[in-house]
């Protein structure tokens, strides 16, 4: 029997404004969340053969996970990061600081997949479906609410993907 490595992992999660600590990434809960995500990602690399990671690049969990993967590349140079960009204009309305961060991740990633040129009301959903489709494992920072993240978790469940949920309300 062939041993199938579960090698692609994608991230889904709330935007910063929907997380309990908001934009304050110095908050101990945010620091704890980042530490837990880092440990989980490293565990998937070391113990489960994960090599490819996909971030949807929204402010919040997406970008944080992208940064963690880039950080882990120092110790695990064989891993790759893909940015799944819902539409070309995604970073346009970001603040200067967030825009810099966005492009910093983008420029260090191994490949960027732009799913469509212009914004449409369903481009985020299409991006989420693309990520789930390509992945065996989904890491979700999700409070259980019905939201883009909740939708993505449900799609992953329907497709029989392995899902790890971290509830930000319980940090």
Protein backbone atom coordinates (compact mmCIF):
# COMPACT_ATOMS: atom_id res chain seq x y z
CA UNK A 1 0.00 0.00 0.00
CA UNK A 2 1.38 3.40 -0.95
CA UNK A 3 1.99 5.69 1.98
CA UNK A 4 0.40 9.00 1.05
CA UNK A 5 2.20 11.93 2.66
CA UNK A 6 -0.21 14.64 3.68
CA UNK A 7 1.99 17.32 2.34
CA UNK A 8 -0.18 20.37 1.66
CA UNK A 9 -1.66 22.49 4.44
CA UNK A 10 -3.80 25.62 4.15
CA UNK A 11 -4.87 28.17 6.74
CA UNK A 12 -8.21 29.79 7.39
CA UNK A 13 -9.15 32.12 10.19
CA UNK A 14 -10.68 35.36 11.27
CA UNK A 15 -9.44 38.82 10.40
CA UNK A 16 -7.72 40.66 13.25
CA UNK A 17 -10.76 42.84 13.99
CA UNK A 18 -12.81 39.70 14.69
CA UNK A 19 -10.26 38.17 17.06
CA UNK A 20 -10.59 38.82 20.82
CA UNK A 21 -7.38 40.92 20.89
CA UNK A 22 -8.12 42.88 17.70
CA UNK A 23 -5.10 44.65 16.21
CA UNK A 24 -3.01 44.34 19.39
CA UNK A 25 -0.55 41.62 18.51
CA UNK A 26 1.33 42.28 21.77
CA UNK A 27 -1.69 40.89 23.64
CA UNK A 28 -0.71 37.70 25.51
CA UNK A 29 -3.59 35.85 23.79
CA UNK A 30 -2.20 36.76 20.37
CA UNK A 31 1.30 35.69 21.41
CA UNK A 32 -0.13 32.40 22.70
CA UNK A 33 -2.10 31.87 19.47
CA UNK A 34 1.05 32.43 17.38
CA UNK A 35 3.00 30.01 19.57
CA UNK A 36 0.31 27.33 19.25
CA UNK A 37 0.13 27.80 15.47
CA UNK A 38 3.90 27.62 15.20
CA UNK A 39 4.01 24.38 17.22
CA UNK A 40 1.21 22.82 15.14
CA UNK A 41 2.84 23.77 11.82
CA UNK A 42 6.22 22.51 12.97
CA UNK A 43 4.63 19.25 14.14
CA UNK A 44 3.08 18.78 10.68
CA UNK A 45 6.47 19.40 9.04
CA UNK A 46 8.48 17.15 11.32
CA UNK A 47 6.01 14.34 12.00
CA UNK A 48 3.56 14.34 9.09
CA UNK A 49 5.65 15.21 6.04
CA UNK A 50 3.97 18.57 5.39
CA UNK A 51 6.00 20.53 2.84
CA UNK A 52 3.65 23.01 1.13
CA UNK A 53 1.61 25.69 2.88
CA UNK A 54 -1.05 27.99 1.43
CA UNK A 55 -2.07 31.35 2.92
CA UNK A 56 -5.09 33.32 1.70
CA UNK A 57 -3.25 36.54 2.69
CA UNK A 58 -6.08 38.33 4.51
CA UNK A 59 -5.14 40.51 7.49
CA UNK A 60 -5.10 38.37 10.59
CA UNK A 61 -4.66 34.62 10.77
CA UNK A 62 -3.74 34.27 7.07
CA UNK A 63 -0.84 36.70 7.17
CA UNK A 64 0.30 35.54 10.61
CA UNK A 65 0.48 31.92 9.40
CA UNK A 66 2.36 33.04 6.29
CA UNK A 67 4.91 34.76 8.51
CA UNK A 68 5.25 31.68 10.73
CA UNK A 69 5.90 29.45 7.70
CA UNK A 70 8.57 31.87 6.45
CA UNK A 71 10.14 31.86 9.92
CA UNK A 72 10.14 28.03 10.02
CA UNK A 73 11.85 27.94 6.62
CA UNK A 74 15.08 28.90 8.39
CA UNK A 75 15.12 25.50 10.10
CA UNK A 76 13.20 23.60 7.41
CA UNK A 77 14.46 25.03 4.10
CA UNK A 78 12.59 22.44 2.03
CA UNK A 79 9.12 23.81 2.87
CA UNK A 80 7.28 26.13 0.47
CA UNK A 81 4.75 28.91 0.93
CA UNK A 82 2.09 29.75 -1.63
CA UNK A 83 -0.01 32.91 -1.40
CA UNK A 84 -3.53 32.40 -2.74
CA UNK A 85 -4.67 35.87 -3.72
CA UNK A 86 -8.43 36.26 -4.28
CA UNK A 87 -8.04 39.27 -6.58
CA UNK A 88 -5.36 41.70 -7.66
CA UNK A 89 -6.78 44.54 -5.54
CA UNK A 90 -6.63 42.59 -2.24
CA UNK A 91 -4.00 44.83 -0.57
CA UNK A 92 -5.30 48.15 -1.95
CA UNK A 93 -7.20 49.32 1.11
CA UNK A 94 -4.69 48.16 3.70
CA UNK A 95 -2.91 50.63 5.97
CA UNK A 96 0.70 51.41 5.08
CA UNK A 97 2.05 49.08 7.78
CA UNK A 98 -0.19 46.19 6.77
CA UNK A 99 0.56 46.74 3.10
CA UNK A 100 4.30 46.53 3.81
CA UNK A 101 3.73 43.33 5.71
CA UNK A 102 1.56 41.92 2.91
CA UNK A 103 4.22 42.57 0.26
CA UNK A 104 6.99 41.32 2.50
CA UNK A 105 5.23 37.91 2.75
CA UNK A 106 4.40 37.95 -0.96
CA UNK A 107 7.99 38.66 -1.96
CA UNK A 108 9.39 35.87 0.21
CA UNK A 109 6.83 33.26 -0.82
CA UNK A 110 7.66 30.51 -3.31
CA UNK A 111 4.66 31.09 -5.54
CA UNK A 112 1.68 33.39 -5.73
CA UNK A 113 -1.58 32.27 -7.26
CA UNK A 114 -3.84 35.18 -8.25
CA UNK A 115 -7.28 33.68 -8.68
CA UNK A 116 -8.82 36.57 -10.58
CA UNK A 117 -8.01 40.03 -11.81
CA UNK A 118 -10.93 42.03 -10.40
CA UNK A 119 -12.81 41.92 -7.13
CA UNK A 120 -16.20 40.18 -7.20
CA UNK A 121 -18.44 39.37 -4.26
CA UNK A 122 -17.52 35.68 -4.48
CA UNK A 123 -13.75 35.95 -4.97
CA UNK A 124 -12.95 35.23 -1.30
CA UNK A 125 -15.12 32.13 -1.41
CA UNK A 126 -13.42 30.97 -4.61
CA UNK A 127 -10.03 31.53 -2.98
CA UNK A 128 -11.08 29.45 0.04
CA UNK A 129 -12.37 26.63 -2.17
CA UNK A 130 -9.13 26.64 -4.16
CA UNK A 131 -7.05 26.33 -0.97
CA UNK A 132 -9.15 23.48 0.45
CA UNK A 133 -9.13 21.69 -2.90
CA UNK A 134 -5.33 21.71 -3.01
CA UNK A 135 -4.77 20.73 0.63
CA UNK A 136 -4.96 17.56 2.68
CA UNK A 137 -4.91 19.46 5.97
CA UNK A 138 -6.67 22.66 7.05
CA UNK A 139 -5.61 24.67 10.09
CA UNK A 140 -8.50 26.88 11.19
CA UNK A 141 -8.54 29.62 13.81
CA UNK A 142 -12.28 29.63 14.25
CA UNK A 143 -14.69 30.60 17.03
CA UNK A 144 -17.53 28.45 15.69
CA UNK A 145 -19.42 31.40 14.19
CA UNK A 146 -20.94 31.32 10.73
CA UNK A 147 -18.43 33.31 8.71
CA UNK A 148 -16.02 32.95 5.82
CA UNK A 149 -13.90 30.81 8.10
CA UNK A 150 -16.90 28.69 9.10
CA UNK A 151 -17.80 28.23 5.44
CA UNK A 152 -14.25 27.10 4.65
CA UNK A 153 -14.25 24.62 7.55
CA UNK A 154 -17.54 23.16 6.26
CA UNK A 155 -16.18 22.79 2.72
CA UNK A 156 -13.13 21.03 4.17
CA UNK A 157 -15.39 18.69 6.18
CA UNK A 158 -17.47 17.84 3.11
CA UNK A 159 -14.31 17.00 1.20
CA UNK A 160 -13.01 14.80 4.01
CA UNK A 161 -9.95 16.94 4.78
CA UNK A 162 -8.12 16.72 8.11
CA UNK A 163 -9.00 19.83 10.11
CA UNK A 164 -7.30 21.28 13.17
CA UNK A 165 -9.36 23.98 14.88
CA UNK A 166 -7.96 26.47 17.34
CA UNK A 167 -10.70 28.48 19.06
CA UNK A 168 -9.47 32.07 19.59
CA UNK A 169 -12.10 32.63 22.31
CA UNK A 170 -10.39 30.02 24.49
CA UNK A 171 -6.81 31.32 24.44
